[in-house]
Amino acid sequence: MSLSDFIKNILNIQDDNISFPEEDFCQIIQKGNYVIKVFKGFLKSNYCSCPHCNSKNIVKNGS
């Protein structure tokens, strides 16, 4: 199992278009009594249709 697959499994991410880099995938921040882990991931944007409903009209909000 790759590191990317392991992180997706822990975070319960089922989208195949999301991946995590093998290096520098996590940043740990201390804020008071809290430890925050921030994961850096990538979203593939080269898909042609929605993987759930196969619609060709995809609205890419935020890009």
PDB file of N, CA and C in Angstrom:
ATOM      1  N   MET A   1       0.856  -1.165   0.000  1.00  0.00           N
ATOM      2  CA  MET A   1       0.000   0.000   0.000  1.00  0.00           C
ATOM      3  C   MET A   1       0.910   1.238   0.000  1.00  0.00           C
ATOM      4  N   SER A   2       0.636   2.162  -0.905  1.00  0.00           N
ATOM      5  CA  SER A   2       1.431   3.385  -0.985  1.00  0.00           C
ATOM      6  C   SER A   2       1.065   4.332   0.154  1.00  0.00           C
ATOM      7  N   LEU A   3       1.922   5.306   0.395  1.00  0.00           N
ATOM      8  CA  LEU A   3       1.655   6.292   1.439  1.00  0.00           C
ATOM      9  C   LEU A   3       0.394   7.082   1.124  1.00  0.00           C
ATOM     10  N   SER A   4       0.202   7.431  -0.144  1.00  0.00           N
ATOM     11  CA  SER A   4      -0.995   8.164  -0.560  1.00  0.00           C
ATOM     12  C   SER A   4      -2.257   7.352  -0.261  1.00  0.00           C
ATOM     13  N   ASP A   5      -2.236   6.064  -0.579  1.00  0.00           N
ATOM     14  CA  ASP A   5      -3.387   5.193  -0.294  1.00  0.00           C
ATOM     15  C   ASP A   5      -3.614   5.050   1.211  1.00  0.00           C
ATOM     16  N   PHE A   6      -2.528   4.997   1.974  1.00  0.00           N
ATOM     17  CA  PHE A   6      -2.633   4.882   3.425  1.00  0.00           C
ATOM     18  C   PHE A   6      -3.308   6.117   4.023  1.00  0.00           C
ATOM     19  N   ILE A   7      -2.901   7.314   3.583  1.00  0.00           N
ATOM     20  CA  ILE A   7      -3.503   8.556   4.080  1.00  0.00           C
ATOM     21  C   ILE A   7      -4.973   8.620   3.685  1.00  0.00           C
ATOM     22  N   LYS A   8      -5.292   8.252   2.430  1.00  0.00           N
ATOM     23  CA  LYS A   8      -6.689   8.254   1.987  1.00  0.00           C
ATOM     24  C   LYS A   8      -7.528   7.291   2.826  1.00  0.00           C
ATOM     25  N   ASN A   9      -6.957   6.166   3.185  1.00  0.00           N
ATOM     26  CA  ASN A   9      -7.658   5.179   4.003  1.00  0.00           C
ATOM     27  C   ASN A   9      -7.916   5.727   5.408  1.00  0.00           C
ATOM     28  N   ILE A  10      -6.921   6.351   6.020  1.00  0.00           N
ATOM     29  CA  ILE A  10      -7.078   6.907   7.368  1.00  0.00           C
ATOM     30  C   ILE A  10      -8.117   8.020   7.386  1.00  0.00           C
ATOM     31  N   LEU A  11      -8.101   8.888   6.354  1.00  0.00           N
ATOM     32  CA  LEU A  11      -9.027  10.021   6.302  1.00  0.00           C
ATOM     33  C   LEU A  11     -10.364   9.666   5.657  1.00  0.00           C
ATOM     34  N   ASN A  12     -10.532   8.398   5.259  1.00  0.00           N
ATOM     35  CA  ASN A  12     -11.755   7.910   4.622  1.00  0.00           C
ATOM     36  C   ASN A  12     -12.091   8.696   3.348  1.00  0.00           C
ATOM     37  N   ILE A  13     -11.068   8.929   2.521  1.00  0.00           N
ATOM     38  CA  ILE A  13     -11.243   9.604   1.233  1.00  0.00           C
ATOM     39  C   ILE A  13     -11.371   8.528   0.165  1.00  0.00           C
ATOM     40  N   GLN A  14     -12.469   8.547  -0.598  1.00  0.00           N
ATOM     41  CA  GLN A  14     -12.717   7.522  -1.597  1.00  0.00           C
ATOM     42  C   GLN A  14     -12.544   8.028  -3.021  1.00  0.00           C
ATOM     43  N   ASP A  15     -12.273   9.309  -3.192  1.00  0.00           N
ATOM     44  CA  ASP A  15     -12.133   9.911  -4.517  1.00  0.00           C
ATOM     45  C   ASP A  15     -10.767   9.560  -5.097  1.00  0.00           C
ATOM     46  N   ASP A  16     -10.741   8.898  -6.266  1.00  0.00           N
ATOM     47  CA  ASP A  16      -9.487   8.519  -6.917  1.00  0.00           C
ATOM     48  C   ASP A  16      -8.760   9.713  -7.519  1.00  0.00           C
ATOM     49  N   ASN A  17      -9.408  10.861  -7.612  1.00  0.00           N
ATOM     50  CA  ASN A  17      -8.776  12.051  -8.180  1.00  0.00           C
ATOM     51  C   ASN A  17      -7.944  12.809  -7.151  1.00  0.00           C
ATOM     52  N   ILE A  18      -7.940  12.378  -5.906  1.00  0.00           N
ATOM     53  CA  ILE A  18      -7.153  13.014  -4.850  1.00  0.00           C
ATOM     54  C   ILE A  18      -5.954  12.129  -4.538  1.00  0.00           C
ATOM     55  N   SER A  19      -4.771  12.764  -4.479  1.00  0.00           N
ATOM     56  CA  SER A  19      -3.558  12.030  -4.132  1.00  0.00           C
ATOM     57  C   SER A  19      -2.709  12.875  -3.190  1.00  0.00           C
ATOM     58  N   PHE A  20      -1.785  12.229  -2.522  1.00  0.00           N
ATOM     59  CA  PHE A  20      -0.897  12.893  -1.582  1.00  0.00           C
ATOM     60  C   PHE A  20       0.539  12.638  -2.012  1.00  0.00           C
ATOM     61  N   PRO A  21       1.419  13.650  -1.883  1.00  0.00           N
ATOM     62  CA  PRO A  21       2.821  13.457  -2.280  1.00  0.00           C
ATOM     63  C   PRO A  21       3.522  12.498  -1.319  1.00  0.00           C
ATOM     64  N   GLU A  22       4.564  11.855  -1.801  1.00  0.00           N
ATOM     65  CA  GLU A  22       5.304  10.907  -0.969  1.00  0.00           C
ATOM     66  C   GLU A  22       6.188  11.624   0.055  1.00  0.00           C
ATOM     67  N   GLU A  23       6.567  12.878  -0.214  1.00  0.00           N
ATOM     68  CA  GLU A  23       7.393  13.648   0.714  1.00  0.00           C
ATOM     69  C   GLU A  23       6.672  14.938   1.074  1.00  0.00           C
ATOM     70  N   ASP A  24       6.920  15.445   2.253  1.00  0.00           N
ATOM     71  CA  ASP A  24       6.318  16.699   2.732  1.00  0.00           C
ATOM     72  C   ASP A  24       4.794  16.670   2.638  1.00  0.00           C
ATOM     73  N   PHE A  25       4.189  15.567   3.053  1.00  0.00           N
ATOM     74  CA  PHE A  25       2.741  15.409   2.946  1.00  0.00           C
ATOM     75  C   PHE A  25       1.997  15.972   4.152  1.00  0.00           C
ATOM     76  N   CYS A  26       2.726  16.260   5.240  1.00  0.00           N
ATOM     77  CA  CYS A  26       2.061  16.673   6.476  1.00  0.00           C
ATOM     78  C   CYS A  26       2.870  17.744   7.186  1.00  0.00           C
ATOM     79  N   GLN A  27       2.159  18.728   7.717  1.00  0.00           N
ATOM     80  CA  GLN A  27       2.781  19.775   8.521  1.00  0.00           C
ATOM     81  C   GLN A  27       2.119  19.743   9.892  1.00  0.00           C
ATOM     82  N   ILE A  28       2.924  19.755  10.938  1.00  0.00           N
ATOM     83  CA  ILE A  28       2.398  19.707  12.301  1.00  0.00           C
ATOM     84  C   ILE A  28       2.558  21.084  12.931  1.00  0.00           C
ATOM     85  N   ILE A  29       1.456  21.612  13.465  1.00  0.00           N
ATOM     86  CA  ILE A  29       1.428  22.944  14.059  1.00  0.00           C
ATOM     87  C   ILE A  29       0.954  22.822  15.504  1.00  0.00           C
ATOM     88  N   GLN A  30       1.640  23.485  16.416  1.00  0.00           N
ATOM     89  CA  GLN A  30       1.245  23.510  17.825  1.00  0.00           C
ATOM     90  C   GLN A  30       0.553  24.839  18.099  1.00  0.00           C
ATOM     91  N   LYS A  31      -0.720  24.794  18.509  1.00  0.00           N
ATOM     92  CA  LYS A  31      -1.495  25.990  18.868  1.00  0.00           C
ATOM     93  C   LYS A  31      -2.028  25.801  20.284  1.00  0.00           C
ATOM     94  N   GLY A  32      -1.346  26.384  21.254  1.00  0.00           N
ATOM     95  CA  GLY A  32      -1.771  26.214  22.643  1.00  0.00           C
ATOM     96  C   GLY A  32      -1.679  24.757  23.057  1.00  0.00           C
ATOM     97  N   ASN A  33      -2.793  24.185  23.494  1.00  0.00           N
ATOM     98  CA  ASN A  33      -2.834  22.779  23.900  1.00  0.00           C
ATOM     99  C   ASN A  33      -3.167  21.835  22.754  1.00  0.00           C
ATOM    100  N   TYR A  34      -3.329  22.376  21.546  1.00  0.00           N
ATOM    101  CA  TYR A  34      -3.748  21.568  20.399  1.00  0.00           C
ATOM    102  C   TYR A  34      -2.580  21.286  19.464  1.00  0.00           C
ATOM    103  N   VAL A  35      -2.546  20.086  18.929  1.00  0.00           N
ATOM    104  CA  VAL A  35      -1.607  19.721  17.872  1.00  0.00           C
ATOM    105  C   VAL A  35      -2.430  19.561  16.608  1.00  0.00           C
ATOM    106  N   ILE A  36      -2.099  20.336  15.580  1.00  0.00           N
ATOM    107  CA  ILE A  36      -2.852  20.333  14.326  1.00  0.00           C
ATOM    108  C   ILE A  36      -1.986  19.721  13.236  1.00  0.00           C
ATOM    109  N   LYS A  37      -2.539  18.757  12.511  1.00  0.00           N
ATOM    110  CA  LYS A  37      -1.835  18.153  11.383  1.00  0.00           C
ATOM    111  C   LYS A  37      -2.527  18.584  10.100  1.00  0.00           C
ATOM    112  N   VAL A  38      -1.770  19.227   9.222  1.00  0.00           N
ATOM    113  CA  VAL A  38      -2.299  19.716   7.950  1.00  0.00           C
ATOM    114  C   VAL A  38      -1.701  18.854   6.845  1.00  0.00           C
ATOM    115  N   PHE A  39      -2.568  18.198   6.060  1.00  0.00           N
ATOM    116  CA  PHE A  39      -2.118  17.341   4.973  1.00  0.00           C
ATOM    117  C   PHE A  39      -2.186  18.099   3.655  1.00  0.00           C
ATOM    118  N   LYS A  40      -1.139  17.990   2.861  1.00  0.00           N
ATOM    119  CA  LYS A  40      -1.099  18.596   1.533  1.00  0.00           C
ATOM    120  C   LYS A  40      -1.473  17.517   0.521  1.00  0.00           C
ATOM    121  N   GLY A  41      -2.462  17.795  -0.308  1.00  0.00           N
ATOM    122  CA  GLY A  41      -2.902  16.840  -1.309  1.00  0.00           C
ATOM    123  C   GLY A  41      -3.116  17.512  -2.642  1.00  0.00           C
ATOM    124  N   PHE A  42      -3.331  16.703  -3.663  1.00  0.00           N
ATOM    125  CA  PHE A  42      -3.538  17.194  -5.016  1.00  0.00           C
ATOM    126  C   PHE A  42      -4.844  16.644  -5.581  1.00  0.00           C
ATOM    127  N   LEU A  43      -5.543  17.481  -6.331  1.00  0.00           N
ATOM    128  CA  LEU A  43      -6.768  17.082  -7.009  1.00  0.00           C
ATOM    129  C   LEU A  43      -6.505  17.082  -8.505  1.00  0.00           C
ATOM    130  N   LYS A  44      -6.668  15.923  -9.141  1.00  0.00           N
ATOM    131  CA  LYS A  44      -6.497  15.842 -10.595  1.00  0.00           C
ATOM    132  C   LYS A  44      -7.648  16.571 -11.267  1.00  0.00           C
ATOM    133  N   SER A  45      -7.333  17.376 -12.251  1.00  0.00           N
ATOM    134  CA  SER A  45      -8.388  18.146 -12.924  1.00  0.00           C
ATOM    135  C   SER A  45      -8.539  17.741 -14.381  1.00  0.00           C
ATOM    136  N   ASN A  46      -8.020  16.596 -14.761  1.00  0.00           N
ATOM    137  CA  ASN A  46      -8.077  16.180 -16.159  1.00  0.00           C
ATOM    138  C   ASN A  46      -9.148  15.120 -16.424  1.00  0.00           C
ATOM    139  N   TYR A  47     -10.218  15.148 -15.654  1.00  0.00           N
ATOM    140  CA  TYR A  47     -11.292  14.184 -15.867  1.00  0.00           C
ATOM    141  C   TYR A  47     -12.330  14.779 -16.816  1.00  0.00           C
ATOM    142  N   CYS A  48     -13.037  13.923 -17.526  1.00  0.00           N
ATOM    143  CA  CYS A  48     -13.988  14.357 -18.549  1.00  0.00           C
ATOM    144  C   CYS A  48     -15.433  14.312 -18.068  1.00  0.00           C
ATOM    145  N   SER A  49     -15.707  13.487 -17.092  1.00  0.00           N
ATOM    146  CA  SER A  49     -17.086  13.363 -16.617  1.00  0.00           C
ATOM    147  C   SER A  49     -17.084  13.079 -15.120  1.00  0.00           C
ATOM    148  N   CYS A  50     -18.226  13.298 -14.510  1.00  0.00           N
ATOM    149  CA  CYS A  50     -18.391  13.034 -13.086  1.00  0.00           C
ATOM    150  C   CYS A  50     -18.287  11.520 -12.844  1.00  0.00           C
ATOM    151  N   PRO A  51     -17.453  11.086 -11.887  1.00  0.00           N
ATOM    152  CA  PRO A  51     -17.317   9.647 -11.652  1.00  0.00           C
ATOM    153  C   PRO A  51     -18.561   9.009 -11.041  1.00  0.00           C
ATOM    154  N   HIS A  52     -19.476   9.817 -10.509  1.00  0.00           N
ATOM    155  CA  HIS A  52     -20.673   9.275  -9.856  1.00  0.00           C
ATOM    156  C   HIS A  52     -21.882   9.208 -10.789  1.00  0.00           C
ATOM    157  N   CYS A  53     -22.081  10.269 -11.608  1.00  0.00           N
ATOM    158  CA  CYS A  53     -23.283  10.299 -12.454  1.00  0.00           C
ATOM    159  C   CYS A  53     -22.952  10.342 -13.950  1.00  0.00           C
ATOM    160  N   ASN A  54     -21.668  10.388 -14.307  1.00  0.00           N
ATOM    161  CA  ASN A  54     -21.192  10.423 -15.699  1.00  0.00           C
ATOM    162  C   ASN A  54     -21.641  11.655 -16.470  1.00  0.00           C
ATOM    163  N   SER A  55     -22.016  12.717 -15.768  1.00  0.00           N
ATOM    164  CA  SER A  55     -22.403  13.961 -16.430  1.00  0.00           C
ATOM    165  C   SER A  55     -21.171  14.619 -17.039  1.00  0.00           C
ATOM    166  N   LYS A  56     -21.311  15.129 -18.262  1.00  0.00           N
ATOM    167  CA  LYS A  56     -20.212  15.811 -18.949  1.00  0.00           C
ATOM    168  C   LYS A  56     -20.135  17.280 -18.556  1.00  0.00           C
ATOM    169  N   ASN A  57     -21.188  17.828 -17.932  1.00  0.00           N
ATOM    170  CA  ASN A  57     -21.231  19.239 -17.539  1.00  0.00           C
ATOM    171  C   ASN A  57     -20.741  19.377 -16.103  1.00  0.00           C
ATOM    172  N   ILE A  58     -19.445  19.598 -15.946  1.00  0.00           N
ATOM    173  CA  ILE A  58     -18.857  19.714 -14.621  1.00  0.00           C
ATOM    174  C   ILE A  58     -18.602  21.187 -14.328  1.00  0.00           C
ATOM    175  N   VAL A  59     -19.093  21.665 -13.201  1.00  0.00           N
ATOM    176  CA  VAL A  59     -18.850  23.041 -12.761  1.00  0.00           C
ATOM    177  C   VAL A  59     -17.679  22.997 -11.792  1.00  0.00           C
ATOM    178  N   LYS A  60     -16.602  23.697 -12.134  1.00  0.00           N
ATOM    179  CA  LYS A  60     -15.407  23.713 -11.294  1.00  0.00           C
ATOM    180  C   LYS A  60     -15.403  24.997 -10.487  1.00  0.00           C
ATOM    181  N   ASN A  61     -16.030  24.973  -9.336  1.00  0.00           N
ATOM    182  CA  ASN A  61     -16.064  26.141  -8.456  1.00  0.00           C
ATOM    183  C   ASN A  61     -14.698  26.335  -7.812  1.00  0.00           C
ATOM    184  N   GLY A  62     -14.260  27.581  -7.783  1.00  0.00           N
ATOM    185  CA  GLY A  62     -13.004  27.900  -7.124  1.00  0.00           C
ATOM    186  C   GLY A  62     -11.777  27.757  -7.988  1.00  0.00           C
ATOM    187  N   SER A  63     -11.941  27.514  -9.265  1.00  0.00           N
ATOM    188  CA  SER A  63     -10.749  27.404 -10.115  1.00  0.00           C
ATOM    189  C   SER A  63     -10.808  28.375 -11.259  1.00  0.00           C
TER     190      SER A  63
END
